[in-house]
Structure formats: C-alpha cells, structure tokens
C-alpha cells in the first residue's frame, strides 16, 4: 500500500519543555538525508528540455530520468553540445526545499547531472551538501547510492534517499537505504510500499530514527 505523509494530524497541542507534566523523551536523532537533484530539489524540467528543443528535438521525444549521456546519444547529439546550451540559472527550487535543507543539518546529494552544471547550480542556490556526487563520479555505470554512503562514512540503515524516479527508488533499495518519494513533483509516480512525502516539510518526520 502507498504510504503518504501529508499535513493531517500534525497540529496537536504544544507544551514547552520543563512545564509540569512534561515527560516527553528527548528529540530523536535524525537519519541523514541524501537527495536527488533534478525533479527532487529543483523544478528543472523546462531547463533540462530546452537545450534539446534548441537543437531541433521535440519536447515529447525527451525522456526524463535517464543519464544525460544516454539521452544525448539517443538523439544523436553530444553532451558538450547539450551543455553549451544548458542554462544553469533556469531551474528553481520547489517550494519548501530551502527550508527543508536549512532544517536537516547534514545532507548529501546523489545526482546523475553533469558535474559542470550541477556544481554551478549549487553555488547559485547557496546550497552546501556535505557530499555531492554527479554523473562523472559513477562512470562507467549509472548513478548509485553506495559511493555517497562511502564518502559520508555512514551505513545505509542510517540514510534516507529522497528522489522522484524509479531509478532513485532502485538506488535506495539496492543500497539498503530507506526511499522517500518526492511527491511534491507532480511527475513522480508512487509504487506499492513507497513512503511518499507530499511536501518537502513532510520529509522531516520520516528522518526520525
């Protein structure tokens, strides 16, 4: 069954710590979130498609979620030709993402975006993940979560991978990490058993151990 965490039931009474009758446990430690980039943190569909359109490729012929090198090869263009037309200022964070990243403390990025454009976007957005791995870091195979876990020196059981595609789900499951679907992306499709965060703020409760 699809498990979705929405806004319902989160407005209970508030009690200050130390008030009479306060017997709450200390706040639990959080699992470390690792995020996909495009389609999860940033709404980048238009930005990703625009270089193909400028090269004469119809929008509806472009598939999202594939490695850039594979998508370029499918259309008979090179990655360098694509990147020369890619506007690293065009994508915008989904509503609530900045607040989420500010609240989680440590976080990491696992993306099959080309490093050249990915690093430029991180600088523009003012985001500073502890680890950020891009397509070149996973070559010659596709994006995987294991190299990110190794760089973080954190076991998979202590990580939540947040993404928007079936490939992201597979990355999490193959590594043994918890997967959370970025349900704020209308293109994201849930599978049975998925944890689905309706908004970026809904990720936070899912990080509690």
C-alpha atoms as a PDB file:
ATOM      1  CA  UNK A   1       0.000   0.000   0.000  1.00  0.00           C
ATOM      2  CA  UNK A   2       1.219   3.503  -0.783  1.00  0.00           C
ATOM      3  CA  UNK A   3       2.116   5.321   2.403  1.00  0.00           C
ATOM      4  CA  UNK A   4       1.696   9.083   2.181  1.00  0.00           C
ATOM      5  CA  UNK A   5       2.607  11.599   4.832  1.00  0.00           C
ATOM      6  CA  UNK A   6       0.513  14.728   4.442  1.00  0.00           C
ATOM      7  CA  UNK A   7      -0.475  17.605   6.645  1.00  0.00           C
ATOM      8  CA  UNK A   8      -3.298  15.935   8.539  1.00  0.00           C
ATOM      9  CA  UNK A   9      -2.915  15.279  12.248  1.00  0.00           C
ATOM     10  CA  UNK A  10       0.115  17.470  12.829  1.00  0.00           C
ATOM     11  CA  UNK A  11      -1.463  20.306  14.780  1.00  0.00           C
ATOM     12  CA  UNK A  12      -1.684  18.859  18.282  1.00  0.00           C
ATOM     13  CA  UNK A  13      -1.198  20.882  21.456  1.00  0.00           C
ATOM     14  CA  UNK A  14       2.209  22.385  22.150  1.00  0.00           C
ATOM     15  CA  UNK A  15       3.901  22.038  25.543  1.00  0.00           C
ATOM     16  CA  UNK A  16       7.133  23.779  26.453  1.00  0.00           C
ATOM     17  CA  UNK A  17       9.902  21.548  27.713  1.00  0.00           C
ATOM     18  CA  UNK A  18      10.105  21.698  31.501  1.00  0.00           C
ATOM     19  CA  UNK A  19       6.453  22.501  32.111  1.00  0.00           C
ATOM     20  CA  UNK A  20       4.652  20.386  34.734  1.00  0.00           C
ATOM     21  CA  UNK A  21       3.591  17.091  33.266  1.00  0.00           C
ATOM     22  CA  UNK A  22       6.244  17.203  30.559  1.00  0.00           C
ATOM     23  CA  UNK A  23       7.503  13.635  30.318  1.00  0.00           C
ATOM     24  CA  UNK A  24       8.473  13.627  26.676  1.00  0.00           C
ATOM     25  CA  UNK A  25      11.538  11.757  25.528  1.00  0.00           C
ATOM     26  CA  UNK A  26      14.444  13.822  24.149  1.00  0.00           C
ATOM     27  CA  UNK A  27      14.141  14.602  20.443  1.00  0.00           C
ATOM     28  CA  UNK A  28      15.340  11.566  18.479  1.00  0.00           C
ATOM     29  CA  UNK A  29      18.409  11.685  16.296  1.00  0.00           C
ATOM     30  CA  UNK A  30      17.714  12.094  12.602  1.00  0.00           C
ATOM     31  CA  UNK A  31      18.700   9.829   9.761  1.00  0.00           C
ATOM     32  CA  UNK A  32      20.911  11.548   7.217  1.00  0.00           C
ATOM     33  CA  UNK A  33      19.033  12.598   4.064  1.00  0.00           C
ATOM     34  CA  UNK A  34      20.553  12.134   0.632  1.00  0.00           C
ATOM     35  CA  UNK A  35      18.720  13.903  -2.163  1.00  0.00           C
ATOM     36  CA  UNK A  36      18.466  13.528  -5.887  1.00  0.00           C
ATOM     37  CA  UNK A  37      18.810  16.918  -7.585  1.00  0.00           C
ATOM     38  CA  UNK A  38      16.649  17.449 -10.694  1.00  0.00           C
ATOM     39  CA  UNK A  39      12.967  16.839 -10.042  1.00  0.00           C
ATOM     40  CA  UNK A  40      13.533  16.491  -6.301  1.00  0.00           C
ATOM     41  CA  UNK A  41      15.210  19.645  -5.037  1.00  0.00           C
ATOM     42  CA  UNK A  42      14.714  21.765  -8.144  1.00  0.00           C
ATOM     43  CA  UNK A  43      11.900  22.052 -10.678  1.00  0.00           C
ATOM     44  CA  UNK A  44      14.120  21.655 -13.701  1.00  0.00           C
ATOM     45  CA  UNK A  45      12.014  20.007 -16.411  1.00  0.00           C
ATOM     46  CA  UNK A  46      11.929  23.071 -18.657  1.00  0.00           C
ATOM     47  CA  UNK A  47      15.619  23.792 -18.123  1.00  0.00           C
ATOM     48  CA  UNK A  48      16.575  20.195 -18.957  1.00  0.00           C
ATOM     49  CA  UNK A  49      14.496  20.038 -22.111  1.00  0.00           C
ATOM     50  CA  UNK A  50      15.364  23.464 -23.540  1.00  0.00           C
ATOM     51  CA  UNK A  51      18.812  22.512 -24.972  1.00  0.00           C
ATOM     52  CA  UNK A  52      17.238  19.596 -26.872  1.00  0.00           C
ATOM     53  CA  UNK A  53      14.499  21.843 -28.240  1.00  0.00           C
ATOM     54  CA  UNK A  54      17.122  24.350 -29.397  1.00  0.00           C
ATOM     55  CA  UNK A  55      18.834  21.512 -31.258  1.00  0.00           C
ATOM     56  CA  UNK A  56      15.602  20.672 -33.074  1.00  0.00           C
ATOM     57  CA  UNK A  57      14.475  17.742 -30.908  1.00  0.00           C
ATOM     58  CA  UNK A  58      10.757  17.724 -29.987  1.00  0.00           C
ATOM     59  CA  UNK A  59       9.971  18.093 -26.289  1.00  0.00           C
ATOM     60  CA  UNK A  60       7.819  14.975 -26.217  1.00  0.00           C
ATOM     61  CA  UNK A  61      10.753  12.918 -27.536  1.00  0.00           C
ATOM     62  CA  UNK A  62      12.870  13.669 -24.457  1.00  0.00           C
ATOM     63  CA  UNK A  63      12.786  11.136 -21.612  1.00  0.00           C
ATOM     64  CA  UNK A  64      13.363  12.291 -18.061  1.00  0.00           C
ATOM     65  CA  UNK A  65      15.404  10.315 -15.543  1.00  0.00           C
ATOM     66  CA  UNK A  66      17.994   8.893 -17.926  1.00  0.00           C
ATOM     67  CA  UNK A  67      21.718   9.578 -17.852  1.00  0.00           C
ATOM     68  CA  UNK A  68      22.491  12.701 -19.848  1.00  0.00           C
ATOM     69  CA  UNK A  69      24.999  10.808 -21.989  1.00  0.00           C
ATOM     70  CA  UNK A  70      22.367   8.195 -22.850  1.00  0.00           C
ATOM     71  CA  UNK A  71      19.698  10.777 -23.662  1.00  0.00           C
ATOM     72  CA  UNK A  72      22.101  12.751 -25.842  1.00  0.00           C
ATOM     73  CA  UNK A  73      23.196   9.586 -27.655  1.00  0.00           C
ATOM     74  CA  UNK A  74      19.553   8.662 -28.288  1.00  0.00           C
ATOM     75  CA  UNK A  75      19.098  11.947 -30.135  1.00  0.00           C
ATOM     76  CA  UNK A  76      22.410  11.953 -31.972  1.00  0.00           C
ATOM     77  CA  UNK A  77      23.965  14.896 -30.103  1.00  0.00           C
ATOM     78  CA  UNK A  78      26.933  15.139 -27.755  1.00  0.00           C
ATOM     79  CA  UNK A  79      26.980  16.028 -24.084  1.00  0.00           C
ATOM     80  CA  UNK A  80      29.220  19.004 -24.868  1.00  0.00           C
ATOM     81  CA  UNK A  81      26.695  20.319 -27.411  1.00  0.00           C
ATOM     82  CA  UNK A  82      23.948  19.940 -24.826  1.00  0.00           C
ATOM     83  CA  UNK A  83      25.885  21.624 -22.014  1.00  0.00           C
ATOM     84  CA  UNK A  84      26.803  24.539 -24.270  1.00  0.00           C
ATOM     85  CA  UNK A  85      23.076  25.326 -24.478  1.00  0.00           C
ATOM     86  CA  UNK A  86      22.105  24.465 -20.889  1.00  0.00           C
ATOM     87  CA  UNK A  87      21.137  27.428 -18.720  1.00  0.00           C
ATOM     88  CA  UNK A  88      22.301  26.703 -15.162  1.00  0.00           C
ATOM     89  CA  UNK A  89      20.230  29.634 -13.867  1.00  0.00           C
ATOM     90  CA  UNK A  90      16.870  28.422 -15.161  1.00  0.00           C
ATOM     91  CA  UNK A  91      15.859  25.761 -12.610  1.00  0.00           C
ATOM     92  CA  UNK A  92      14.190  26.894  -9.401  1.00  0.00           C
ATOM     93  CA  UNK A  93      13.855  25.125  -6.038  1.00  0.00           C
ATOM     94  CA  UNK A  94      10.493  23.582  -5.304  1.00  0.00           C
ATOM     95  CA  UNK A  95       8.555  25.493  -2.665  1.00  0.00           C
ATOM     96  CA  UNK A  96       9.760  24.496   0.783  1.00  0.00           C
ATOM     97  CA  UNK A  97      13.067  22.957  -0.272  1.00  0.00           C
ATOM     98  CA  UNK A  98      15.235  25.788   1.047  1.00  0.00           C
ATOM     99  CA  UNK A  99      13.520  25.497   4.427  1.00  0.00           C
ATOM    100  CA  UNK A 100      13.959  21.721   4.454  1.00  0.00           C
ATOM    101  CA  UNK A 101      17.682  21.913   3.723  1.00  0.00           C
ATOM    102  CA  UNK A 102      18.077  24.517   6.429  1.00  0.00           C
ATOM    103  CA  UNK A 103      16.405  22.232   8.953  1.00  0.00           C
ATOM    104  CA  UNK A 104      18.153  18.912   8.344  1.00  0.00           C
ATOM    105  CA  UNK A 105      21.749  19.802   9.228  1.00  0.00           C
ATOM    106  CA  UNK A 106      23.929  17.283   7.398  1.00  0.00           C
ATOM    107  CA  UNK A 107      22.783  16.271   3.944  1.00  0.00           C
ATOM    108  CA  UNK A 108      24.220  14.935   0.718  1.00  0.00           C
ATOM    109  CA  UNK A 109      23.487  14.928  -2.999  1.00  0.00           C
ATOM    110  CA  UNK A 110      23.386  11.932  -5.341  1.00  0.00           C
ATOM    111  CA  UNK A 111      22.712  13.057  -8.905  1.00  0.00           C
ATOM    112  CA  UNK A 112      23.373  11.904 -12.432  1.00  0.00           C
ATOM    113  CA  UNK A 113      23.521  15.536 -13.507  1.00  0.00           C
ATOM    114  CA  UNK A 114      26.781  16.545 -15.206  1.00  0.00           C
ATOM    115  CA  UNK A 115      29.176  17.931 -12.598  1.00  0.00           C
ATOM    116  CA  UNK A 116      29.811  21.113 -14.572  1.00  0.00           C
ATOM    117  CA  UNK A 117      26.181  22.215 -14.403  1.00  0.00           C
ATOM    118  CA  UNK A 118      25.452  20.644 -11.013  1.00  0.00           C
ATOM    119  CA  UNK A 119      28.235  22.465  -9.177  1.00  0.00           C
ATOM    120  CA  UNK A 120      27.287  25.752 -10.847  1.00  0.00           C
ATOM    121  CA  UNK A 121      23.712  25.343  -9.632  1.00  0.00           C
ATOM    122  CA  UNK A 122      24.790  24.528  -6.074  1.00  0.00           C
ATOM    123  CA  UNK A 123      26.825  27.739  -5.964  1.00  0.00           C
ATOM    124  CA  UNK A 124      23.957  29.778  -7.400  1.00  0.00           C
ATOM    125  CA  UNK A 125      21.478  28.358  -4.917  1.00  0.00           C
ATOM    126  CA  UNK A 126      23.820  28.710  -1.949  1.00  0.00           C
ATOM    127  CA  UNK A 127      23.492  25.034  -1.032  1.00  0.00           C
ATOM    128  CA  UNK A 128      26.366  23.215   0.665  1.00  0.00           C
ATOM    129  CA  UNK A 129      25.873  19.453   0.882  1.00  0.00           C
ATOM    130  CA  UNK A 130      28.461  17.538   2.843  1.00  0.00           C
ATOM    131  CA  UNK A 131      28.949  15.263  -0.176  1.00  0.00           C
ATOM    132  CA  UNK A 132      27.834  15.919  -3.746  1.00  0.00           C
ATOM    133  CA  UNK A 133      28.407  13.241  -6.382  1.00  0.00           C
ATOM    134  CA  UNK A 134      27.492  13.665 -10.034  1.00  0.00           C
ATOM    135  CA  UNK A 135      27.381  11.576 -13.218  1.00  0.00           C
ATOM    136  CA  UNK A 136      31.148  11.521 -13.660  1.00  0.00           C
ATOM    137  CA  UNK A 137      31.567  10.047 -10.175  1.00  0.00           C
ATOM    138  CA  UNK A 138      29.521   6.964 -11.084  1.00  0.00           C
ATOM    139  CA  UNK A 139      31.060   6.290 -14.505  1.00  0.00           C
ATOM    140  CA  UNK A 140      31.049   3.954 -16.294  1.00  0.00           C
ATOM    141  CA  UNK A 141      27.828   2.766 -14.629  1.00  0.00           C
ATOM    142  CA  UNK A 142      24.780   4.827 -13.713  1.00  0.00           C
ATOM    143  CA  UNK A 143      24.007   6.685 -10.517  1.00  0.00           C
ATOM    144  CA  UNK A 144      24.395   4.600  -7.362  1.00  0.00           C
ATOM    145  CA  UNK A 145      23.977   5.404  -3.696  1.00  0.00           C
ATOM    146  CA  UNK A 146      26.873   3.297  -2.418  1.00  0.00           C
ATOM    147  CA  UNK A 147      29.677   5.762  -3.338  1.00  0.00           C
ATOM    148  CA  UNK A 148      27.798   8.514  -1.494  1.00  0.00           C
ATOM    149  CA  UNK A 149      27.484   6.342   1.617  1.00  0.00           C
ATOM    150  CA  UNK A 150      31.189   5.532   1.427  1.00  0.00           C
ATOM    151  CA  UNK A 151      32.102   9.226   1.161  1.00  0.00           C
ATOM    152  CA  UNK A 152      29.844  10.024   4.115  1.00  0.00           C
ATOM    153  CA  UNK A 153      31.108   7.038   6.119  1.00  0.00           C
ATOM    154  CA  UNK A 154      27.514   6.301   7.096  1.00  0.00           C
ATOM    155  CA  UNK A 155      25.746   2.913   6.867  1.00  0.00           C
ATOM    156  CA  UNK A 156      22.745   2.592   4.606  1.00  0.00           C
ATOM    157  CA  UNK A 157      20.466   1.912   7.593  1.00  0.00           C
ATOM    158  CA  UNK A 158      21.081   5.474   8.797  1.00  0.00           C
ATOM    159  CA  UNK A 159      20.230   7.126   5.475  1.00  0.00           C
ATOM    160  CA  UNK A 160      17.029   8.200   3.739  1.00  0.00           C
ATOM    161  CA  UNK A 161      17.277   8.717  -0.017  1.00  0.00           C
ATOM    162  CA  UNK A 162      14.750  11.218  -1.366  1.00  0.00           C
ATOM    163  CA  UNK A 163      14.079  11.071  -5.096  1.00  0.00           C
ATOM    164  CA  UNK A 164      11.426  11.315  -7.774  1.00  0.00           C
ATOM    165  CA  UNK A 165      12.055   8.439 -10.186  1.00  0.00           C
ATOM    166  CA  UNK A 166      12.013   4.664 -10.372  1.00  0.00           C
ATOM    167  CA  UNK A 167      15.779   4.777 -10.747  1.00  0.00           C
ATOM    168  CA  UNK A 168      16.083   6.672  -7.464  1.00  0.00           C
ATOM    169  CA  UNK A 169      13.932   4.021  -5.804  1.00  0.00           C
ATOM    170  CA  UNK A 170      16.183   1.277  -7.164  1.00  0.00           C
ATOM    171  CA  UNK A 171      19.300   3.088  -5.944  1.00  0.00           C
ATOM    172  CA  UNK A 172      17.919   3.173  -2.405  1.00  0.00           C
ATOM    173  CA  UNK A 173      16.696  -0.405  -2.368  1.00  0.00           C
ATOM    174  CA  UNK A 174      19.922  -1.810  -3.827  1.00  0.00           C
ATOM    175  CA  UNK A 175      21.972   0.021  -1.205  1.00  0.00           C
ATOM    176  CA  UNK A 176      19.663  -0.939   1.667  1.00  0.00           C
ATOM    177  CA  UNK A 177      18.560   2.623   2.459  1.00  0.00           C
ATOM    178  CA  UNK A 178      15.045   3.920   3.049  1.00  0.00           C
ATOM    179  CA  UNK A 179      13.457   5.522  -0.005  1.00  0.00           C
ATOM    180  CA  UNK A 180      11.132   8.528   0.153  1.00  0.00           C
ATOM    181  CA  UNK A 181       9.329   9.680  -2.981  1.00  0.00           C
ATOM    182  CA  UNK A 182       9.335  13.429  -3.616  1.00  0.00           C
ATOM    183  CA  UNK A 183       5.571  13.640  -4.005  1.00  0.00           C
ATOM    184  CA  UNK A 184       5.691  17.413  -4.465  1.00  0.00           C
ATOM    185  CA  UNK A 185       6.869  16.740  -8.034  1.00  0.00           C
ATOM    186  CA  UNK A 186       3.656  16.056  -9.987  1.00  0.00           C
ATOM    187  CA  UNK A 187       5.614  13.801 -12.336  1.00  0.00           C
ATOM    188  CA  UNK A 188       6.648  11.440  -9.515  1.00  0.00           C
ATOM    189  CA  UNK A 189       4.749   8.137  -9.520  1.00  0.00           C
ATOM    190  CA  UNK A 190       4.460   6.045  -6.378  1.00  0.00           C
ATOM    191  CA  UNK A 191       4.823   2.275  -6.226  1.00  0.00           C
ATOM    192  CA  UNK A 192       3.339  -0.027  -3.620  1.00  0.00           C
ATOM    193  CA  UNK A 193       5.189   0.348  -0.331  1.00  0.00           C
ATOM    194  CA  UNK A 194       6.647   3.780  -1.067  1.00  0.00           C
ATOM    195  CA  UNK A 195       6.908   6.380   1.636  1.00  0.00           C
ATOM    196  CA  UNK A 196       5.567   9.493  -0.083  1.00  0.00           C
ATOM    197  CA  UNK A 197       6.267  12.998   1.196  1.00  0.00           C
ATOM    198  CA  UNK A 198       3.564  15.334  -0.109  1.00  0.00           C
ATOM    199  CA  UNK A 199       5.693  18.409   0.583  1.00  0.00           C
ATOM    200  CA  UNK A 200       9.365  18.961   1.442  1.00  0.00           C
ATOM    201  CA  UNK A 201       8.376  19.664   5.074  1.00  0.00           C
ATOM    202  CA  UNK A 202       6.908  16.160   5.259  1.00  0.00           C
ATOM    203  CA  UNK A 203      10.383  14.671   4.845  1.00  0.00           C
ATOM    204  CA  UNK A 204      11.447  15.740   8.343  1.00  0.00           C
ATOM    205  CA  UNK A 205       9.249  13.308  10.333  1.00  0.00           C
ATOM    206  CA  UNK A 206      10.497  10.492   8.118  1.00  0.00           C
ATOM    207  CA  UNK A 207      14.092  11.152   9.193  1.00  0.00           C
ATOM    208  CA  UNK A 208      13.428  10.297  12.825  1.00  0.00           C
ATOM    209  CA  UNK A 209      15.090   7.034  13.779  1.00  0.00           C
END
